[in-house]
Amino acid sequence: MNDGGTIALPWLVIRQDDNGNRYRVGRYATRAEAQKIADSLDHRGHKQLYWVERIGQHDDATRN
């Protein structure tokens, strides 16, 4: 399904926990904005892994 937000907010921040589960943290208008959030979360010192993807790049992560 393609809602209007998909086009306006095409960048995702994805988190992967210690068990390999992936979750969408948020959607952003620009890659730079998404990367800033991912970097901020990553620097908190938790063991989770954060990265940025464009919608459609890796559909499995957006299903959680």
Protein backbone atom coordinates (compact mmCIF):
# COMPACT_ATOMS: atom_id res chain seq x y z
CA MET A 1 0.00 0.00 0.00
CA ASN A 2 1.33 3.42 -0.89
CA ASP A 3 0.12 6.30 1.24
CA GLY A 4 1.09 9.95 0.76
CA GLY A 5 3.63 9.71 3.60
CA THR A 6 5.73 7.20 1.70
CA ILE A 7 6.70 9.80 -0.88
CA ALA A 8 7.09 12.68 1.59
CA LEU A 9 9.05 10.59 4.14
CA PRO A 10 11.06 8.06 2.13
CA TRP A 11 13.93 7.55 4.64
CA LEU A 12 13.71 5.08 7.52
CA VAL A 13 15.77 4.60 10.64
CA ILE A 14 15.88 0.89 11.47
CA ARG A 15 16.95 -0.67 14.77
CA GLN A 16 18.13 -4.24 15.18
CA ASP A 17 18.21 -5.67 18.71
CA ASP A 18 20.49 -8.32 20.21
CA ASN A 19 18.17 -11.09 18.98
CA GLY A 20 18.19 -9.93 15.37
CA ASN A 21 14.69 -8.42 15.47
CA ARG A 22 14.31 -5.31 13.31
CA TYR A 23 12.05 -2.36 14.00
CA ARG A 24 11.27 0.86 12.21
CA VAL A 25 12.19 3.73 14.54
CA GLY A 26 10.96 6.57 12.33
CA ARG A 27 10.47 8.00 8.85
CA TYR A 28 12.18 11.15 7.61
CA ALA A 29 12.14 13.46 4.62
CA THR A 30 15.88 13.45 3.98
CA ARG A 31 18.70 10.99 4.37
CA ALA A 32 20.66 13.57 6.38
CA GLU A 33 17.82 13.95 8.88
CA ALA A 34 17.47 10.17 9.25
CA GLN A 35 21.24 9.74 9.63
CA LYS A 36 21.34 12.41 12.35
CA ILE A 37 18.70 10.49 14.34
CA ALA A 38 20.43 7.13 13.79
CA ASP A 39 23.77 8.59 14.90
CA SER A 40 22.18 10.14 17.99
CA LEU A 41 20.60 6.82 18.99
CA ASP A 42 23.78 4.89 18.23
CA HIS A 43 25.87 7.14 20.49
CA ARG A 44 23.69 6.37 23.51
CA GLY A 45 25.77 3.26 24.11
CA HIS A 46 23.08 0.60 23.77
CA LYS A 47 23.88 -2.68 22.03
CA GLN A 48 21.28 -2.12 19.32
CA LEU A 49 22.36 -1.42 15.77
CA TYR A 50 20.83 1.55 13.91
CA TRP A 51 20.96 2.32 10.19
CA VAL A 52 19.22 4.32 7.48
CA GLU A 53 17.33 2.86 4.52
CA ARG A 54 15.22 4.30 1.75
CA ILE A 55 11.68 2.88 1.63
CA GLY A 56 11.61 -0.19 -0.59
CA GLN A 57 15.32 -0.85 -0.15
CA HIS A 58 14.77 -3.63 2.41
CA ASP A 59 11.05 -4.34 2.87
CA ASP A 60 11.51 -6.93 5.65
CA ALA A 61 12.54 -4.27 8.16
CA THR A 62 9.43 -2.19 7.62
CA ARG A 63 7.03 -4.99 8.51
CA ASN A 64 7.68 -4.82 12.29
